N, C-alpha and C. Protein backbone atom coordinates (compact mmCIF):
# COMPACT_ATOMS: atom_id res chain seq x y z
N UNK A 1 104.06 84.70 11.38
CA UNK A 1 104.30 83.95 12.60
C UNK A 1 105.76 84.12 13.00
N UNK A 2 105.98 84.49 14.24
CA UNK A 2 107.34 84.71 14.73
C UNK A 2 107.96 83.40 15.18
N UNK A 3 109.23 83.23 14.87
CA UNK A 3 110.00 82.05 15.26
C UNK A 3 111.22 82.50 16.07
N UNK A 4 111.74 81.59 16.87
CA UNK A 4 113.01 81.81 17.55
C UNK A 4 113.98 80.76 17.02
N UNK A 5 115.04 81.24 16.38
CA UNK A 5 116.07 80.32 15.90
C UNK A 5 117.20 80.36 16.91
N UNK A 6 117.53 79.21 17.47
CA UNK A 6 118.64 79.09 18.41
C UNK A 6 119.76 78.36 17.68
N UNK A 7 120.88 79.03 17.52
CA UNK A 7 122.03 78.45 16.84
C UNK A 7 123.12 78.21 17.88
N UNK A 8 123.52 76.96 18.04
CA UNK A 8 124.58 76.57 18.97
C UNK A 8 125.77 76.14 18.12
N UNK A 9 126.93 76.76 18.39
CA UNK A 9 128.07 76.49 17.52
C UNK A 9 129.40 76.66 18.24
N UNK A 10 130.41 75.99 17.71
CA UNK A 10 131.77 76.09 18.23
C UNK A 10 132.26 77.53 18.07
N UNK A 11 132.85 78.08 19.13
CA UNK A 11 133.31 79.47 19.08
C UNK A 11 134.33 79.71 17.96
N UNK A 12 134.98 78.67 17.49
CA UNK A 12 135.99 78.81 16.43
C UNK A 12 135.38 79.26 15.10
N UNK A 13 134.07 79.07 14.93
CA UNK A 13 133.44 79.47 13.67
C UNK A 13 132.50 80.65 13.85
N UNK A 14 132.78 81.48 14.83
CA UNK A 14 131.92 82.64 15.10
C UNK A 14 131.79 83.54 13.88
N UNK A 15 132.87 83.81 13.19
CA UNK A 15 132.82 84.70 12.02
C UNK A 15 131.89 84.13 10.95
N UNK A 16 132.00 82.84 10.68
CA UNK A 16 131.18 82.21 9.66
C UNK A 16 129.69 82.26 10.02
N UNK A 17 129.37 82.03 11.29
CA UNK A 17 127.96 82.05 11.71
C UNK A 17 127.42 83.48 11.64
N UNK A 18 128.20 84.46 12.06
CA UNK A 18 127.75 85.84 12.01
C UNK A 18 127.58 86.30 10.55
N UNK A 19 128.42 85.82 9.66
CA UNK A 19 128.27 86.13 8.23
C UNK A 19 126.97 85.52 7.69
N UNK A 20 126.62 84.32 8.12
CA UNK A 20 125.37 83.69 7.69
C UNK A 20 124.18 84.53 8.13
N UNK A 21 124.24 85.04 9.34
CA UNK A 21 123.18 85.91 9.84
C UNK A 21 123.06 87.17 9.00
N UNK A 22 124.21 87.76 8.69
CA UNK A 22 124.24 88.99 7.89
C UNK A 22 123.70 88.74 6.48
N UNK A 23 124.05 87.62 5.87
CA UNK A 23 123.59 87.31 4.52
C UNK A 23 122.07 87.13 4.46
N UNK A 24 121.47 86.78 5.60
CA UNK A 24 120.01 86.66 5.67
C UNK A 24 119.35 88.00 5.94
N UNK A 25 120.16 89.04 6.15
CA UNK A 25 119.62 90.35 6.43
C UNK A 25 119.10 90.51 7.86
N UNK A 26 119.51 89.61 8.73
CA UNK A 26 119.06 89.66 10.12
C UNK A 26 120.05 90.47 10.96
N UNK A 27 119.54 91.49 11.63
CA UNK A 27 120.41 92.38 12.41
C UNK A 27 120.18 92.25 13.91
N UNK A 28 119.05 91.70 14.32
CA UNK A 28 118.70 91.62 15.74
C UNK A 28 118.92 90.21 16.26
N UNK A 29 119.70 90.10 17.31
CA UNK A 29 120.00 88.80 17.90
C UNK A 29 120.52 88.99 19.32
N UNK A 30 120.56 87.92 20.05
CA UNK A 30 121.22 87.87 21.35
C UNK A 30 122.26 86.77 21.27
N UNK A 31 123.49 87.07 21.71
CA UNK A 31 124.56 86.09 21.67
C UNK A 31 125.04 85.79 23.09
N UNK A 32 125.08 84.51 23.43
CA UNK A 32 125.66 84.06 24.68
C UNK A 32 127.00 83.40 24.33
N UNK A 33 128.07 83.89 24.91
CA UNK A 33 129.41 83.37 24.59
C UNK A 33 129.91 82.47 25.71
N UNK A 34 130.83 81.60 25.34
CA UNK A 34 131.52 80.70 26.27
C UNK A 34 130.56 79.74 26.97
N UNK A 35 129.67 79.13 26.21
CA UNK A 35 128.76 78.12 26.76
C UNK A 35 129.46 76.76 26.74
N UNK A 36 129.22 75.99 27.76
CA UNK A 36 129.79 74.65 27.85
C UNK A 36 128.72 73.62 27.54
N UNK A 37 129.16 72.45 27.07
CA UNK A 37 128.19 71.41 26.79
C UNK A 37 128.80 70.19 26.17
N UNK A 38 127.93 69.27 25.81
CA UNK A 38 128.35 68.02 25.21
C UNK A 38 127.35 67.66 24.11
N UNK A 39 127.88 67.28 22.97
CA UNK A 39 127.04 66.88 21.85
C UNK A 39 127.47 65.54 21.31
N UNK A 40 126.53 64.82 20.76
CA UNK A 40 126.83 63.48 20.24
C UNK A 40 127.89 63.51 19.15
N UNK A 41 127.81 64.49 18.25
CA UNK A 41 128.78 64.56 17.16
C UNK A 41 129.91 65.54 17.42
N UNK A 42 129.68 66.55 18.26
CA UNK A 42 130.71 67.57 18.48
C UNK A 42 131.59 67.27 19.68
N UNK A 43 131.18 66.37 20.55
CA UNK A 43 131.98 66.03 21.72
C UNK A 43 131.74 66.97 22.88
N UNK A 44 132.61 66.87 23.88
CA UNK A 44 132.48 67.66 25.10
C UNK A 44 133.29 68.94 24.99
N UNK A 45 132.69 70.05 25.37
CA UNK A 45 133.36 71.35 25.40
C UNK A 45 133.18 71.95 26.79
N UNK A 46 134.25 71.95 27.58
CA UNK A 46 134.19 72.52 28.92
C UNK A 46 135.20 73.65 29.11
N UNK A 47 135.93 74.01 28.05
CA UNK A 47 136.86 75.13 28.12
C UNK A 47 138.05 74.89 29.02
N UNK A 48 138.41 73.63 29.26
CA UNK A 48 139.58 73.36 30.10
C UNK A 48 140.60 72.53 29.33
N UNK A 49 141.68 72.12 30.00
CA UNK A 49 142.75 71.37 29.33
C UNK A 49 142.30 69.98 28.88
N UNK A 50 141.42 69.38 29.63
CA UNK A 50 140.96 68.03 29.29
C UNK A 50 139.90 68.06 28.20
N UNK A 51 138.95 68.98 28.31
CA UNK A 51 137.87 69.12 27.33
C UNK A 51 137.88 70.55 26.79
N UNK A 52 138.84 70.85 25.90
CA UNK A 52 138.96 72.23 25.40
C UNK A 52 137.80 72.63 24.49
N UNK A 53 137.70 73.91 24.29
CA UNK A 53 136.68 74.45 23.40
C UNK A 53 135.45 74.90 24.14
N UNK A 54 134.78 75.85 23.53
CA UNK A 54 133.53 76.37 24.09
C UNK A 54 132.57 76.62 22.93
N UNK A 55 131.31 76.82 23.26
CA UNK A 55 130.31 77.11 22.26
C UNK A 55 129.78 78.52 22.46
N UNK A 56 129.20 79.06 21.43
CA UNK A 56 128.41 80.28 21.50
C UNK A 56 126.98 79.91 21.14
N UNK A 57 126.04 80.71 21.60
CA UNK A 57 124.63 80.48 21.28
C UNK A 57 124.03 81.79 20.79
N UNK A 58 123.38 81.73 19.63
CA UNK A 58 122.65 82.88 19.10
C UNK A 58 121.17 82.62 19.23
N UNK A 59 120.44 83.64 19.67
CA UNK A 59 118.99 83.60 19.70
C UNK A 59 118.51 84.67 18.73
N UNK A 60 117.74 84.26 17.73
CA UNK A 60 117.27 85.18 16.70
C UNK A 60 115.75 85.06 16.57
N UNK A 61 115.04 86.11 16.97
CA UNK A 61 113.60 86.15 16.77
C UNK A 61 113.35 86.75 15.39
N UNK A 62 112.59 86.04 14.56
CA UNK A 62 112.40 86.49 13.18
C UNK A 62 111.11 85.90 12.61
N UNK A 63 110.82 86.29 11.39
CA UNK A 63 109.63 85.75 10.72
C UNK A 63 109.89 84.30 10.30
N UNK A 64 108.83 83.61 9.95
CA UNK A 64 108.97 82.23 9.49
C UNK A 64 109.85 82.17 8.24
N UNK A 65 109.65 83.11 7.31
CA UNK A 65 110.44 83.13 6.08
C UNK A 65 111.93 83.35 6.39
N UNK A 66 112.21 84.26 7.31
CA UNK A 66 113.61 84.52 7.69
C UNK A 66 114.22 83.30 8.38
N UNK A 67 113.42 82.59 9.17
CA UNK A 67 113.94 81.40 9.85
C UNK A 67 114.29 80.31 8.83
N UNK A 68 113.51 80.19 7.77
CA UNK A 68 113.80 79.22 6.72
C UNK A 68 115.11 79.57 6.03
N UNK A 69 115.32 80.85 5.75
CA UNK A 69 116.55 81.32 5.12
C UNK A 69 117.76 81.06 6.01
N UNK A 70 117.64 81.39 7.30
CA UNK A 70 118.76 81.18 8.22
C UNK A 70 119.06 79.70 8.38
N UNK A 71 118.03 78.89 8.48
CA UNK A 71 118.22 77.45 8.61
C UNK A 71 118.96 76.88 7.40
N UNK A 72 118.63 77.36 6.22
CA UNK A 72 119.32 76.91 5.01
C UNK A 72 120.81 77.28 5.06
N UNK A 73 121.12 78.47 5.55
CA UNK A 73 122.53 78.90 5.67
C UNK A 73 123.27 78.04 6.69
N UNK A 74 122.62 77.71 7.78
CA UNK A 74 123.25 76.88 8.81
C UNK A 74 123.48 75.46 8.26
N UNK A 75 122.53 74.94 7.52
CA UNK A 75 122.71 73.62 6.90
C UNK A 75 123.90 73.63 5.95
N UNK A 76 124.07 74.72 5.22
CA UNK A 76 125.23 74.85 4.32
C UNK A 76 126.52 74.87 5.12
N UNK A 77 126.55 75.59 6.24
CA UNK A 77 127.74 75.59 7.10
C UNK A 77 128.05 74.18 7.60
N UNK A 78 127.04 73.44 7.98
CA UNK A 78 127.25 72.07 8.45
C UNK A 78 127.88 71.21 7.35
N UNK A 79 127.45 71.42 6.11
CA UNK A 79 128.01 70.66 5.00
C UNK A 79 129.47 71.04 4.74
N UNK A 80 129.77 72.33 4.80
CA UNK A 80 131.12 72.78 4.44
C UNK A 80 132.13 72.68 5.58
N UNK A 81 131.68 72.81 6.83
CA UNK A 81 132.62 72.82 7.96
C UNK A 81 132.73 71.49 8.67
N UNK A 82 131.82 70.58 8.41
CA UNK A 82 131.91 69.24 8.99
C UNK A 82 131.91 69.22 10.50
N UNK A 83 132.99 68.76 11.10
CA UNK A 83 133.05 68.50 12.53
C UNK A 83 133.21 69.75 13.40
N UNK A 84 133.25 70.92 12.83
CA UNK A 84 133.43 72.13 13.63
C UNK A 84 132.29 72.36 14.60
N UNK A 85 131.12 71.89 14.28
CA UNK A 85 130.00 71.93 15.22
C UNK A 85 129.12 73.15 15.10
N UNK A 86 127.98 72.98 14.48
CA UNK A 86 126.95 74.02 14.43
C UNK A 86 125.60 73.34 14.24
N UNK A 87 124.63 73.75 15.04
CA UNK A 87 123.27 73.24 14.92
C UNK A 87 122.31 74.38 15.14
N UNK A 88 121.16 74.30 14.47
CA UNK A 88 120.12 75.32 14.64
C UNK A 88 118.82 74.62 15.02
N UNK A 89 118.08 75.29 15.90
CA UNK A 89 116.79 74.80 16.37
C UNK A 89 115.77 75.91 16.14
N UNK A 90 114.64 75.57 15.54
CA UNK A 90 113.60 76.57 15.29
C UNK A 90 112.45 76.29 16.26
N UNK A 91 112.12 77.33 17.04
CA UNK A 91 111.09 77.21 18.06
C UNK A 91 109.98 78.22 17.79
N UNK A 92 108.73 77.88 18.12
CA UNK A 92 107.66 78.86 17.96
C UNK A 92 107.73 79.92 19.07
N UNK A 93 107.37 81.14 18.73
CA UNK A 93 107.29 82.21 19.73
C UNK A 93 105.80 82.46 19.96
N UNK A 94 105.35 82.18 21.14
CA UNK A 94 103.93 82.30 21.43
C UNK A 94 103.53 83.72 21.81
N UNK A 95 104.45 84.45 22.46
CA UNK A 95 104.11 85.78 22.92
C UNK A 95 105.37 86.61 23.10
N UNK A 96 105.28 87.89 22.80
CA UNK A 96 106.38 88.82 23.02
C UNK A 96 105.85 89.98 23.86
N UNK A 97 106.53 90.30 24.94
CA UNK A 97 106.08 91.37 25.81
C UNK A 97 107.12 92.49 25.85
């Protein structure tokens, strides 16, 4: 079963997130850089002087087993990096064309 893992994270930890992806053996992804937003624990990121910082978003289509592995790595990053801001969402993929 194919899953889509969406990882939203502070651009400051891009290297750490990309290393997590590599450690899972995942090579295919789509990255959206400089995303703005607001999170309950991470605060507001608008990339300006008042609300500095931006997020990146990774979209990774993978098997269920690979999604479990990536999710475990993201949970570990959350434990070690604390307030830096990283979350992962696992979504079902119904169809690929």
